[in-house]
Amino acid sequence: MTQTPDAKDLRYEEALKRLEKLVAELDKSELDLETRLKKFEEGTKLARLLLKKLDQAKKKVELLVKTNVGDVEAVPFDRDALGNDESSEDQSA
């Protein structure tokens, strides 16, 4: 297992595929403890990288949401922001 020093330069999809591969390798029982720990460490770094990339994408989406007049308005990126007011009303009843 060799970890690329430019892991931060990986595209989201590439990092996700690598993380999935690491998880599959960790599921194999024939790996020794040292190898498992190295793979786990790499996977943890990739998971952090993926979360960071998702957070950056979320911020970009928030910046691109515009009001009807064309002014930029930051809107949270979640289901409630998409107009699911009915679901929140049902929960309060």
Protein backbone atom coordinates (compact mmCIF):
# COMPACT_ATOMS: atom_id res chain seq x y z
CA MET A 1 0.00 0.00 0.00
CA THR A 2 1.41 3.33 -1.01
CA GLN A 3 -0.34 6.52 -0.15
CA THR A 4 0.04 9.21 -2.74
CA PRO A 5 1.52 12.41 -1.32
CA ASP A 6 -0.90 14.45 -3.45
CA ALA A 7 -4.05 12.97 -1.93
CA LYS A 8 -5.47 16.49 -1.57
CA ASP A 9 -5.36 16.78 -5.36
CA LEU A 10 -7.63 13.76 -5.82
CA ARG A 11 -11.04 14.42 -7.28
CA TYR A 12 -13.96 13.57 -5.00
CA GLU A 13 -14.88 10.49 -7.02
CA GLU A 14 -11.30 9.19 -7.02
CA ALA A 15 -10.96 9.67 -3.26
CA LEU A 16 -14.30 7.93 -2.68
CA LYS A 17 -13.28 4.95 -4.82
CA ARG A 18 -10.00 4.67 -2.93
CA LEU A 19 -11.84 4.80 0.40
CA GLU A 20 -14.26 2.09 -0.75
CA LYS A 21 -11.31 -0.06 -1.81
CA LEU A 22 -9.66 0.41 1.59
CA VAL A 23 -12.86 -0.60 3.38
CA ALA A 24 -13.07 -3.75 1.27
CA GLU A 25 -9.43 -4.55 2.03
CA LEU A 26 -10.00 -4.02 5.76
CA ASP A 27 -12.88 -6.49 5.63
CA LYS A 28 -10.44 -9.22 4.65
CA SER A 29 -9.45 -11.19 7.71
CA GLU A 30 -6.04 -12.24 6.35
CA LEU A 31 -4.47 -8.78 6.82
CA ASP A 32 -2.05 -8.37 9.71
CA LEU A 33 -2.62 -5.71 12.36
CA GLU A 34 0.08 -3.32 11.12
CA THR A 35 -1.32 -3.36 7.58
CA ARG A 36 -4.85 -2.84 8.90
CA LEU A 37 -3.72 0.16 10.95
CA LYS A 38 -2.01 1.75 7.94
CA LYS A 39 -5.07 1.24 5.78
CA PHE A 40 -7.31 2.58 8.55
CA GLU A 41 -5.13 5.68 8.87
CA GLU A 42 -5.25 6.29 5.13
CA GLY A 43 -9.00 5.78 5.14
CA THR A 44 -9.43 8.26 7.96
CA LYS A 45 -7.46 10.87 6.01
CA LEU A 46 -9.53 10.21 2.90
CA ALA A 47 -12.77 10.49 4.89
CA ARG A 48 -11.67 13.88 6.24
CA LEU A 49 -10.74 14.98 2.72
CA LEU A 50 -14.13 13.88 1.38
CA LEU A 51 -15.96 15.76 4.15
CA LYS A 52 -13.92 18.87 3.38
CA LYS A 53 -14.71 18.64 -0.33
CA LEU A 54 -18.43 18.19 0.43
CA ASP A 55 -18.37 21.21 2.72
CA GLN A 56 -16.70 23.29 0.00
CA ALA A 57 -19.32 22.18 -2.53
CA LYS A 58 -22.09 23.03 -0.06
CA LYS A 59 -20.68 26.54 0.36
CA LYS A 60 -20.53 27.01 -3.41
CA VAL A 61 -24.17 25.93 -3.74
CA GLU A 62 -25.19 28.39 -1.04
CA LEU A 63 -23.40 31.20 -2.87
CA LEU A 64 -25.09 30.37 -6.15
CA VAL A 65 -28.64 30.39 -4.81
CA LYS A 66 -30.23 33.62 -5.90
CA THR A 67 -33.44 35.43 -5.03
CA ASN A 68 -35.97 36.41 -7.69
CA VAL A 69 -34.41 39.87 -7.98
CA GLY A 70 -30.96 38.45 -8.65
CA ASP A 71 -29.42 39.22 -5.28
CA VAL A 72 -27.31 36.44 -3.84
CA GLU A 73 -28.90 34.90 -0.78
CA ALA A 74 -27.23 32.24 1.36
CA VAL A 75 -29.69 29.40 1.82
CA PRO A 76 -28.90 26.31 3.91
CA PHE A 77 -28.46 23.17 1.86
CA ASP A 78 -30.98 20.82 3.45
CA ARG A 79 -34.47 19.42 2.89
CA ASP A 80 -36.23 22.24 4.71
CA ALA A 81 -34.60 24.76 2.39
CA LEU A 82 -36.05 22.90 -0.60
CA GLY A 83 -39.61 23.73 0.43
CA ASN A 84 -40.57 20.76 2.57
CA ASP A 85 -42.46 22.93 5.04
CA GLU A 86 -45.18 20.29 5.27
CA SER A 87 -42.81 17.77 6.85
CA SER A 88 -41.79 20.24 9.56
CA GLU A 89 -45.45 21.01 10.26
CA ASP A 90 -46.23 17.32 10.59
CA GLN A 91 -43.44 16.88 13.12
CA SER A 92 -44.71 19.70 15.34
CA ALA A 93 -48.26 18.30 15.43
